[in-house]
Amino acid sequence: MADDNPPDRFRKLVAIIAPPRSGTTVVTAALSVHSDVVAVFEPWNANMERIDSTCGMTFDGFVETFVPAGRPGSVLVVKETATYLRYIDRIEELVDGAPPTVTRHLVVILRNPFHAFLSEVQARREWWGAADLEIDAQTFALWAKRMLSSCRRIADLAESQKALLLGYDAFGRDINGMQALTRMVGLEPERAQFEFEKHLDRSSVRGDLHVSSEPRPISPRSIDRREIELASVVDRFSATPEYPAIVRLAEAFATLPSLSFARQQPAILSAMRGG
């Protein structure tokens, strides 16, 4: 029987990485409904037992292990979240290991870190068994240390791979953002992407459970809601040692356009490294 999922069917790889709760799931979902896209959501985070055994995995091995057989499409979109630094390593290996015949794009999503923190608290309460989790100094400090570590590592990867940076707050307000992103990774936009929630294969989604259970269009609503929520709780953690560094990140990310290249944003990379 012929192989119905040959690795050499892919002409393009789009790898998406970001700190947790930064919008990778919804952006990937909107790309995934394109007729030429095969999307893999969180191959390592959703399969934690495989993370060490996949170290150094070849591109062909990745396709064989994680890509659903028989699904049409010549563009492979892989999104992962930097819950652990080694997930960033796996994304780097995947991009570096793609054969010369495959055009590679790395997309880094950067969201207001305070909004990401509030989103993580909500997710932990609703989905991850921490219903009584408090927004306080200890919770913030533990999260902030992970956030700052992942940003440092992602900055290095973004620079080395000449990544495309997606400023999530600006992207959410940009009515042409998805169209521009689709074109920047070498695809012609399709109508289904602008109503992705009506066409999404929810069974394939991993990450934000709201996207799999009740997908909604990308819009400024969640951004505005988080900003209101932040104003009501910021005094609970503003005295932590990590708070000034997160403020600097938030201020830097606020200057990001919807889409730009890492080489155009040295100040952003410096902020991510703690400069």
C-alpha atoms as a PDB file:
ATOM      1  CA  MET A   1       0.000   0.000   0.000  1.00  0.00           C
ATOM      2  CA  ALA A   2       1.405   3.406  -0.983  1.00  0.00           C
ATOM      3  CA  ASP A   3       2.305   5.841   1.763  1.00  0.00           C
ATOM      4  CA  ASP A   4      -0.651   8.254   1.989  1.00  0.00           C
ATOM      5  CA  ASN A   5       1.321  10.706   4.130  1.00  0.00           C
ATOM      6  CA  PRO A   6       4.758  11.106   2.512  1.00  0.00           C
ATOM      7  CA  PRO A   7       6.888  13.816   4.199  1.00  0.00           C
ATOM      8  CA  ASP A   8       7.975  15.196   0.835  1.00  0.00           C
ATOM      9  CA  ARG A   9       4.414  16.292   0.085  1.00  0.00           C
ATOM     10  CA  PHE A  10       5.052  19.445   2.127  1.00  0.00           C
ATOM     11  CA  ARG A  11       6.452  22.455   0.293  1.00  0.00           C
ATOM     12  CA  LYS A  12       6.233  24.840   3.234  1.00  0.00           C
ATOM     13  CA  LEU A  13       6.574  24.753   7.040  1.00  0.00           C
ATOM     14  CA  VAL A  14       5.060  27.462   9.243  1.00  0.00           C
ATOM     15  CA  ALA A  15       6.163  27.029  12.870  1.00  0.00           C
ATOM     16  CA  ILE A  16       4.389  29.130  15.508  1.00  0.00           C
ATOM     17  CA  ILE A  17       5.745  29.642  19.029  1.00  0.00           C
ATOM     18  CA  ALA A  18       4.914  31.968  21.920  1.00  0.00           C
ATOM     19  CA  PRO A  19       4.783  32.109  25.701  1.00  0.00           C
ATOM     20  CA  PRO A  20       1.668  30.356  27.045  1.00  0.00           C
ATOM     21  CA  ARG A  21      -1.714  32.060  26.643  1.00  0.00           C
ATOM     22  CA  SER A  22      -0.485  34.373  23.894  1.00  0.00           C
ATOM     23  CA  GLY A  23      -3.012  33.537  21.167  1.00  0.00           C
ATOM     24  CA  THR A  24      -1.244  30.728  19.317  1.00  0.00           C
ATOM     25  CA  THR A  25      -4.347  28.532  19.273  1.00  0.00           C
ATOM     26  CA  VAL A  26      -6.735  31.029  17.710  1.00  0.00           C
ATOM     27  CA  VAL A  27      -4.184  32.229  15.136  1.00  0.00           C
ATOM     28  CA  THR A  28      -3.382  28.642  14.162  1.00  0.00           C
ATOM     29  CA  ALA A  29      -7.092  27.803  13.998  1.00  0.00           C
ATOM     30  CA  ALA A  30      -7.655  30.616  11.498  1.00  0.00           C
ATOM     31  CA  LEU A  31      -4.764  29.369   9.371  1.00  0.00           C
ATOM     32  CA  SER A  32      -5.833  25.733   9.683  1.00  0.00           C
ATOM     33  CA  VAL A  33      -9.072  26.108   7.702  1.00  0.00           C
ATOM     34  CA  HIS A  34      -7.103  27.086   4.588  1.00  0.00           C
ATOM     35  CA  SER A  35      -7.530  24.357   1.980  1.00  0.00           C
ATOM     36  CA  ASP A  36      -3.764  23.883   1.539  1.00  0.00           C
ATOM     37  CA  VAL A  37      -2.891  23.760   5.258  1.00  0.00           C
ATOM     38  CA  VAL A  38      -2.375  20.783   7.541  1.00  0.00           C
ATOM     39  CA  ALA A  39      -2.181  22.039  11.119  1.00  0.00           C
ATOM     40  CA  VAL A  40      -0.677  20.300  14.134  1.00  0.00           C
ATOM     41  CA  PHE A  41      -1.583  21.860  17.479  1.00  0.00           C
ATOM     42  CA  GLU A  42       0.913  21.469  20.336  1.00  0.00           C
ATOM     43  CA  PRO A  43       2.519  18.168  19.330  1.00  0.00           C
ATOM     44  CA  TRP A  44       4.751  18.130  22.395  1.00  0.00           C
ATOM     45  CA  ASN A  45       2.640  19.849  25.024  1.00  0.00           C
ATOM     46  CA  ALA A  46      -0.251  17.520  24.186  1.00  0.00           C
ATOM     47  CA  ASN A  47       2.063  14.485  24.282  1.00  0.00           C
ATOM     48  CA  MET A  48       4.371  15.216  27.194  1.00  0.00           C
ATOM     49  CA  GLU A  49       5.563  11.637  27.432  1.00  0.00           C
ATOM     50  CA  ARG A  50       7.132  11.994  23.973  1.00  0.00           C
ATOM     51  CA  ILE A  51       9.062  15.194  24.546  1.00  0.00           C
ATOM     52  CA  ASP A  52      12.396  13.563  25.438  1.00  0.00           C
ATOM     53  CA  SER A  53      12.128  10.739  22.931  1.00  0.00           C
ATOM     54  CA  THR A  54      11.560  13.243  20.121  1.00  0.00           C
ATOM     55  CA  CYS A  55      14.748  15.182  20.843  1.00  0.00           C
ATOM     56  CA  GLY A  56      16.606  15.424  17.544  1.00  0.00           C
ATOM     57  CA  MET A  57      13.682  13.971  15.593  1.00  0.00           C
ATOM     58  CA  THR A  58      13.992  14.387  11.832  1.00  0.00           C
ATOM     59  CA  PHE A  59      11.410  16.245   9.776  1.00  0.00           C
ATOM     60  CA  ASP A  60      10.277  12.941   8.272  1.00  0.00           C
ATOM     61  CA  GLY A  61       9.994  11.469  11.763  1.00  0.00           C
ATOM     62  CA  PHE A  62       7.864  14.406  12.893  1.00  0.00           C
ATOM     63  CA  VAL A  63       5.492  13.964   9.980  1.00  0.00           C
ATOM     64  CA  GLU A  64       5.205  10.244  10.624  1.00  0.00           C
ATOM     65  CA  THR A  65       4.618  10.737  14.363  1.00  0.00           C
ATOM     66  CA  PHE A  66       2.355  13.779  14.540  1.00  0.00           C
ATOM     67  CA  VAL A  67       0.729  14.558  11.193  1.00  0.00           C
ATOM     68  CA  PRO A  68      -2.660  12.900  10.552  1.00  0.00           C
ATOM     69  CA  ALA A  69      -2.417  10.586   7.558  1.00  0.00           C
ATOM     70  CA  GLY A  70      -4.499  11.278   4.498  1.00  0.00           C
ATOM     71  CA  ARG A  71      -5.305  14.905   5.260  1.00  0.00           C
ATOM     72  CA  PRO A  72      -4.832  17.024   2.103  1.00  0.00           C
ATOM     73  CA  GLY A  73      -2.526  20.029   2.057  1.00  0.00           C
ATOM     74  CA  SER A  74       1.053  20.895   1.160  1.00  0.00           C
ATOM     75  CA  VAL A  75       1.669  23.506   3.892  1.00  0.00           C
ATOM     76  CA  LEU A  76       2.455  22.191   7.364  1.00  0.00           C
ATOM     77  CA  VAL A  77       1.562  24.563  10.215  1.00  0.00           C
ATOM     78  CA  VAL A  78       2.899  23.523  13.627  1.00  0.00           C
ATOM     79  CA  LYS A  79       2.117  25.513  16.739  1.00  0.00           C
ATOM     80  CA  GLU A  80       3.611  25.018  20.166  1.00  0.00           C
ATOM     81  CA  THR A  81       3.527  26.936  23.402  1.00  0.00           C
ATOM     82  CA  ALA A  82       6.624  27.634  25.487  1.00  0.00           C
ATOM     83  CA  THR A  83       5.210  26.021  28.609  1.00  0.00           C
ATOM     84  CA  TYR A  84       8.652  24.461  28.980  1.00  0.00           C
ATOM     85  CA  LEU A  85      11.861  25.719  27.396  1.00  0.00           C
ATOM     86  CA  ARG A  86      12.514  22.346  25.790  1.00  0.00           C
ATOM     87  CA  TYR A  87       9.404  22.843  23.638  1.00  0.00           C
ATOM     88  CA  ILE A  88      11.188  25.820  22.099  1.00  0.00           C
ATOM     89  CA  ASP A  89      14.145  23.513  21.432  1.00  0.00           C
ATOM     90  CA  ARG A  90      11.855  21.064  19.626  1.00  0.00           C
ATOM     91  CA  ILE A  91      10.462  23.840  17.417  1.00  0.00           C
ATOM     92  CA  GLU A  92      14.000  24.941  16.590  1.00  0.00           C
ATOM     93  CA  GLU A  93      14.968  21.372  15.687  1.00  0.00           C
ATOM     94  CA  LEU A  94      11.916  21.049  13.459  1.00  0.00           C
ATOM     95  CA  VAL A  95      12.664  24.256  11.580  1.00  0.00           C
ATOM     96  CA  ASP A  96      16.385  23.538  11.261  1.00  0.00           C
ATOM     97  CA  GLY A  97      15.714  19.953  10.215  1.00  0.00           C
ATOM     98  CA  ALA A  98      13.300  20.706   7.389  1.00  0.00           C
ATOM     99  CA  PRO A  99      14.753  19.665   4.029  1.00  0.00           C
ATOM    100  CA  PRO A 100      16.005  22.308   1.565  1.00  0.00           C
ATOM    101  CA  THR A 101      12.926  21.770  -0.587  1.00  0.00           C
ATOM    102  CA  VAL A 102      10.699  23.073   2.210  1.00  0.00           C
ATOM    103  CA  THR A 103      10.308  26.843   2.637  1.00  0.00           C
ATOM    104  CA  ARG A 104      10.409  27.663   6.352  1.00  0.00           C
ATOM    105  CA  HIS A 105       8.711  30.424   8.323  1.00  0.00           C
ATOM    106  CA  LEU A 106       8.864  30.972  12.070  1.00  0.00           C
ATOM    107  CA  VAL A 107       6.055  33.074  13.559  1.00  0.00           C
ATOM    108  CA  VAL A 108       6.480  34.408  17.107  1.00  0.00           C
ATOM    109  CA  ILE A 109       3.357  35.762  18.806  1.00  0.00           C
ATOM    110  CA  LEU A 110       3.869  38.413  21.479  1.00  0.00           C
ATOM    111  CA  ARG A 111       0.961  39.423  23.689  1.00  0.00           C
ATOM    112  CA  ASN A 112       0.749  41.899  26.569  1.00  0.00           C
ATOM    113  CA  PRO A 113       2.283  39.700  29.298  1.00  0.00           C
ATOM    114  CA  PHE A 114      -0.159  40.909  31.950  1.00  0.00           C
ATOM    115  CA  HIS A 115      -3.027  39.739  29.756  1.00  0.00           C
ATOM    116  CA  ALA A 116      -1.278  36.402  29.282  1.00  0.00           C
ATOM    117  CA  PHE A 117      -0.961  36.089  33.068  1.00  0.00           C
ATOM    118  CA  LEU A 118      -4.651  36.760  33.636  1.00  0.00           C
ATOM    119  CA  SER A 119      -5.560  34.316  30.883  1.00  0.00           C
ATOM    120  CA  GLU A 120      -3.382  31.632  32.462  1.00  0.00           C
ATOM    121  CA  VAL A 121      -5.020  32.125  35.852  1.00  0.00           C
ATOM    122  CA  GLN A 122      -8.425  31.720  34.225  1.00  0.00           C
ATOM    123  CA  ALA A 123      -7.310  28.584  32.378  1.00  0.00           C
ATOM    124  CA  ARG A 124      -5.855  27.045  35.519  1.00  0.00           C
ATOM    125  CA  ARG A 125      -9.081  27.704  37.386  1.00  0.00           C
ATOM    126  CA  GLU A 126     -11.375  26.397  34.658  1.00  0.00           C
ATOM    127  CA  TRP A 127      -9.410  23.535  33.101  1.00  0.00           C
ATOM    128  CA  TRP A 128      -6.330  22.593  35.074  1.00  0.00           C
ATOM    129  CA  GLY A 129      -7.696  21.740  38.506  1.00  0.00           C
ATOM    130  CA  ALA A 130      -6.861  24.951  40.376  1.00  0.00           C
ATOM    131  CA  ALA A 131     -10.328  26.372  40.967  1.00  0.00           C
ATOM    132  CA  ASP A 132      -9.203  28.202  44.108  1.00  0.00           C
ATOM    133  CA  LEU A 133      -6.101  29.801  42.574  1.00  0.00           C
ATOM    134  CA  GLU A 134      -5.684  33.372  43.797  1.00  0.00           C
ATOM    135  CA  ILE A 135      -4.267  36.310  41.891  1.00  0.00           C
ATOM    136  CA  ASP A 136      -1.619  37.362  44.364  1.00  0.00           C
ATOM    137  CA  ALA A 137       2.065  38.144  44.634  1.00  0.00           C
ATOM    138  CA  GLN A 138       3.176  34.524  44.857  1.00  0.00           C
ATOM    139  CA  THR A 139       1.141  33.385  41.853  1.00  0.00           C
ATOM    140  CA  PHE A 140       2.397  36.344  39.811  1.00  0.00           C
ATOM    141  CA  ALA A 141       6.047  35.887  40.794  1.00  0.00           C
ATOM    142  CA  LEU A 142       6.094  32.194  39.865  1.00  0.00           C
ATOM    143  CA  TRP A 143       4.452  32.933  36.527  1.00  0.00           C
ATOM    144  CA  ALA A 144       6.717  35.928  35.820  1.00  0.00           C
ATOM    145  CA  LYS A 145       9.908  33.920  36.296  1.00  0.00           C
ATOM    146  CA  ARG A 146       8.723  31.397  33.687  1.00  0.00           C
ATOM    147  CA  MET A 147       7.583  34.159  31.359  1.00  0.00           C
ATOM    148  CA  LEU A 148      10.915  35.973  31.478  1.00  0.00           C
ATOM    149  CA  SER A 149      12.855  32.746  30.886  1.00  0.00           C
ATOM    150  CA  SER A 150      10.767  31.812  27.885  1.00  0.00           C
ATOM    151  CA  CYS A 151      11.048  35.322  26.416  1.00  0.00           C
ATOM    152  CA  ARG A 152      14.846  35.204  26.594  1.00  0.00           C
ATOM    153  CA  ARG A 153      14.961  31.899  24.768  1.00  0.00           C
ATOM    154  CA  ILE A 154      12.342  32.918  22.195  1.00  0.00           C
ATOM    155  CA  ALA A 155      14.237  36.141  21.448  1.00  0.00           C
ATOM    156  CA  ASP A 156      17.343  34.155  20.520  1.00  0.00           C
ATOM    157  CA  LEU A 157      15.304  31.828  18.328  1.00  0.00           C
ATOM    158  CA  ALA A 158      13.457  34.711  16.647  1.00  0.00           C
ATOM    159  CA  GLU A 159      16.709  36.420  15.772  1.00  0.00           C
ATOM    160  CA  SER A 160      18.454  33.303  14.473  1.00  0.00           C
ATOM    161  CA  GLN A 161      15.462  32.238  12.355  1.00  0.00           C
ATOM    162  CA  LYS A 162      14.613  35.739  11.077  1.00  0.00           C
ATOM    163  CA  ALA A 163      11.156  35.277  12.547  1.00  0.00           C
ATOM    164  CA  LEU A 164       7.966  37.079  11.737  1.00  0.00           C
ATOM    165  CA  LEU A 165       6.690  38.819  14.882  1.00  0.00           C
ATOM    166  CA  LEU A 166       2.940  39.019  15.432  1.00  0.00           C
ATOM    167  CA  GLY A 167       1.950  41.726  17.909  1.00  0.00           C
ATOM    168  CA  TYR A 168      -1.217  40.166  19.290  1.00  0.00           C
ATOM    169  CA  ASP A 169      -2.834  43.346  20.585  1.00  0.00           C
ATOM    170  CA  ALA A 170      -2.369  45.181  17.290  1.00  0.00           C
ATOM    171  CA  PHE A 171      -3.304  42.067  15.319  1.00  0.00           C
ATOM    172  CA  GLY A 172      -6.598  41.784  17.212  1.00  0.00           C
ATOM    173  CA  ARG A 173      -7.496  45.302  16.079  1.00  0.00           C
ATOM    174  CA  ASP A 174      -6.297  44.884  12.499  1.00  0.00           C
ATOM    175  CA  ILE A 175      -9.157  43.910  10.188  1.00  0.00           C
ATOM    176  CA  ASN A 176      -6.604  42.945   7.550  1.00  0.00           C
ATOM    177  CA  GLY A 177      -4.292  41.091   9.936  1.00  0.00           C
ATOM    178  CA  MET A 178      -5.179  37.521   8.982  1.00  0.00           C
ATOM    179  CA  GLN A 179      -5.094  38.356   5.304  1.00  0.00           C
ATOM    180  CA  ALA A 180      -1.631  39.891   5.692  1.00  0.00           C
ATOM    181  CA  LEU A 181      -0.322  36.985   7.797  1.00  0.00           C
ATOM    182  CA  THR A 182      -1.568  34.440   5.273  1.00  0.00           C
ATOM    183  CA  ARG A 183       0.182  36.237   2.452  1.00  0.00           C
ATOM    184  CA  MET A 184       3.385  36.712   4.436  1.00  0.00           C
ATOM    185  CA  VAL A 185       3.711  32.940   4.826  1.00  0.00           C
ATOM    186  CA  GLY A 186       3.183  32.485   1.099  1.00  0.00           C
ATOM    187  CA  LEU A 187      -0.490  31.593   0.828  1.00  0.00           C
ATOM    188  CA  GLU A 188      -3.417  33.275  -0.873  1.00  0.00           C
ATOM    189  CA  PRO A 189      -6.104  34.089   1.736  1.00  0.00           C
ATOM    190  CA  GLU A 190      -9.370  32.160   1.555  1.00  0.00           C
ATOM    191  CA  ARG A 191     -12.827  33.265   2.646  1.00  0.00           C
ATOM    192  CA  ALA A 192     -13.137  30.461   5.203  1.00  0.00           C
ATOM    193  CA  GLN A 193     -10.314  31.980   7.264  1.00  0.00           C
ATOM    194  CA  PHE A 194     -12.359  35.059   8.043  1.00  0.00           C
ATOM    195  CA  GLU A 195     -15.138  32.895   9.469  1.00  0.00           C
ATOM    196  CA  PHE A 196     -12.829  30.150  10.692  1.00  0.00           C
ATOM    197  CA  GLU A 197     -15.097  29.326  13.627  1.00  0.00           C
ATOM    198  CA  LYS A 198     -17.685  27.966  11.139  1.00  0.00           C
ATOM    199  CA  HIS A 199     -15.185  25.697   9.361  1.00  0.00           C
ATOM    200  CA  LEU A 200     -12.775  24.633  12.102  1.00  0.00           C
ATOM    201  CA  ASP A 201     -12.146  20.945  12.790  1.00  0.00           C
ATOM    202  CA  ARG A 202     -12.492  21.318  16.540  1.00  0.00           C
ATOM    203  CA  SER A 203     -11.307  17.764  17.209  1.00  0.00           C
ATOM    204  CA  SER A 204      -7.805  18.713  16.037  1.00  0.00           C
ATOM    205  CA  VAL A 205      -7.438  21.735  18.328  1.00  0.00           C
ATOM    206  CA  ARG A 206      -5.094  21.599  21.314  1.00  0.00           C
ATOM    207  CA  GLY A 207      -4.323  24.509  23.616  1.00  0.00           C
ATOM    208  CA  ASP A 208      -7.052  27.036  24.358  1.00  0.00           C
ATOM    209  CA  LEU A 209     -10.146  24.951  25.082  1.00  0.00           C
ATOM    210  CA  HIS A 210     -12.379  27.900  24.301  1.00  0.00           C
ATOM    211  CA  VAL A 211     -11.228  27.630  20.680  1.00  0.00           C
ATOM    212  CA  SER A 212     -12.220  23.976  20.504  1.00  0.00           C
ATOM    213  CA  SER A 213     -15.522  24.352  22.390  1.00  0.00           C
ATOM    214  CA  GLU A 214     -16.726  27.816  21.391  1.00  0.00           C
ATOM    215  CA  PRO A 215     -14.464  29.393  18.771  1.00  0.00           C
ATOM    216  CA  ARG A 216     -14.891  33.107  18.179  1.00  0.00           C
ATOM    217  CA  PRO A 217     -13.425  35.508  15.626  1.00  0.00           C
ATOM    218  CA  ILE A 218     -10.208  37.304  16.516  1.00  0.00           C
ATOM    219  CA  SER A 219     -11.255  40.695  17.853  1.00  0.00           C
ATOM    220  CA  PRO A 220     -10.293  43.401  20.383  1.00  0.00           C
ATOM    221  CA  ARG A 221     -12.935  42.258  22.881  1.00  0.00           C
ATOM    222  CA  SER A 222     -10.693  39.985  24.912  1.00  0.00           C
ATOM    223  CA  ILE A 223      -7.915  42.603  24.855  1.00  0.00           C
ATOM    224  CA  ASP A 224     -10.206  45.274  26.249  1.00  0.00           C
ATOM    225  CA  ARG A 225     -11.654  42.885  28.829  1.00  0.00           C
ATOM    226  CA  ARG A 226      -8.207  41.929  30.108  1.00  0.00           C
ATOM    227  CA  GLU A 227      -7.189  45.573  30.417  1.00  0.00           C
ATOM    228  CA  ILE A 228     -10.214  46.277  32.614  1.00  0.00           C
ATOM    229  CA  GLU A 229      -9.494  43.180  34.705  1.00  0.00           C
ATOM    230  CA  LEU A 230      -5.828  44.141  35.088  1.00  0.00           C
ATOM    231  CA  ALA A 231      -6.710  47.546  36.521  1.00  0.00           C
ATOM    232  CA  SER A 232      -8.717  45.853  39.265  1.00  0.00           C
ATOM    233  CA  VAL A 233      -6.001  43.421  40.412  1.00  0.00           C
ATOM    234  CA  VAL A 234      -2.603  44.986  39.620  1.00  0.00           C
ATOM    235  CA  ASP A 235      -2.126  46.259  43.182  1.00  0.00           C
ATOM    236  CA  ARG A 236      -2.018  42.648  44.382  1.00  0.00           C
ATOM    237  CA  PHE A 237       1.356  41.969  42.743  1.00  0.00           C
ATOM    238  CA  SER A 238       2.865  45.338  41.802  1.00  0.00           C
ATOM    239  CA  ALA A 239       5.340  45.142  44.703  1.00  0.00           C
ATOM    240  CA  THR A 240       6.944  41.889  43.515  1.00  0.00           C
ATOM    241  CA  PRO A 241      10.579  42.017  42.326  1.00  0.00           C
ATOM    242  CA  GLU A 242       9.520  40.667  38.920  1.00  0.00           C
ATOM    243  CA  TYR A 243       6.884  43.321  38.278  1.00  0.00           C
ATOM    244  CA  PRO A 244       9.177  46.017  36.757  1.00  0.00           C
ATOM    245  CA  ALA A 245      10.568  43.556  34.212  1.00  0.00           C
ATOM    246  CA  ILE A 246       7.075  42.551  33.130  1.00  0.00           C
ATOM    247  CA  VAL A 247       6.109  46.227  32.850  1.00  0.00           C
ATOM    248  CA  ARG A 248       9.077  46.776  30.520  1.00  0.00           C
ATOM    249  CA  LEU A 249       7.957  43.831  28.387  1.00  0.00           C
ATOM    250  CA  ALA A 250       4.382  45.115  28.270  1.00  0.00           C
ATOM    251  CA  GLU A 251       5.552  48.571  27.244  1.00  0.00           C
ATOM    252  CA  ALA A 252       7.794  47.122  24.544  1.00  0.00           C
ATOM    253  CA  PHE A 253       5.116  44.811  23.153  1.00  0.00           C
ATOM    254  CA  ALA A 254       2.659  47.727  23.036  1.00  0.00           C
ATOM    255  CA  THR A 255       4.843  49.308  20.343  1.00  0.00           C
ATOM    256  CA  LEU A 256       4.629  46.292  18.062  1.00  0.00           C
ATOM    257  CA  PRO A 257       2.666  46.573  14.838  1.00  0.00           C
ATOM    258  CA  SER A 258       0.382  43.765  13.804  1.00  0.00           C
ATOM    259  CA  LEU A 259       3.166  42.105  11.799  1.00  0.00           C
ATOM    260  CA  SER A 260       6.882  42.823  11.485  1.00  0.00           C
ATOM    261  CA  PHE A 261      10.158  40.946  11.201  1.00  0.00           C
ATOM    262  CA  ALA A 262      12.503  40.327  14.106  1.00  0.00           C
ATOM    263  CA  ARG A 263      15.311  42.168  12.297  1.00  0.00           C
ATOM    264  CA  GLN A 264      13.107  45.289  12.329  1.00  0.00           C
ATOM    265  CA  GLN A 265      12.570  45.113  16.092  1.00  0.00           C
ATOM    266  CA  PRO A 266      15.953  45.103  17.910  1.00  0.00           C
ATOM    267  CA  ALA A 267      14.417  46.967  20.865  1.00  0.00           C
ATOM    268  CA  ILE A 268      11.788  44.236  21.280  1.00  0.00           C
ATOM    269  CA  LEU A 269      14.410  41.497  21.255  1.00  0.00           C
ATOM    270  CA  SER A 270      16.493  43.457  23.767  1.00  0.00           C
ATOM    271  CA  ALA A 271      13.481  43.845  26.058  1.00  0.00           C
ATOM    272  CA  MET A 272      12.782  40.113  25.817  1.00  0.00           C
ATOM    273  CA  ARG A 273      16.359  39.420  26.885  1.00  0.00           C
ATOM    274  CA  GLY A 274      16.016  41.750  29.845  1.00  0.00           C
ATOM    275  CA  GLY A 275      17.898  44.632  28.283  1.00  0.00           C
END
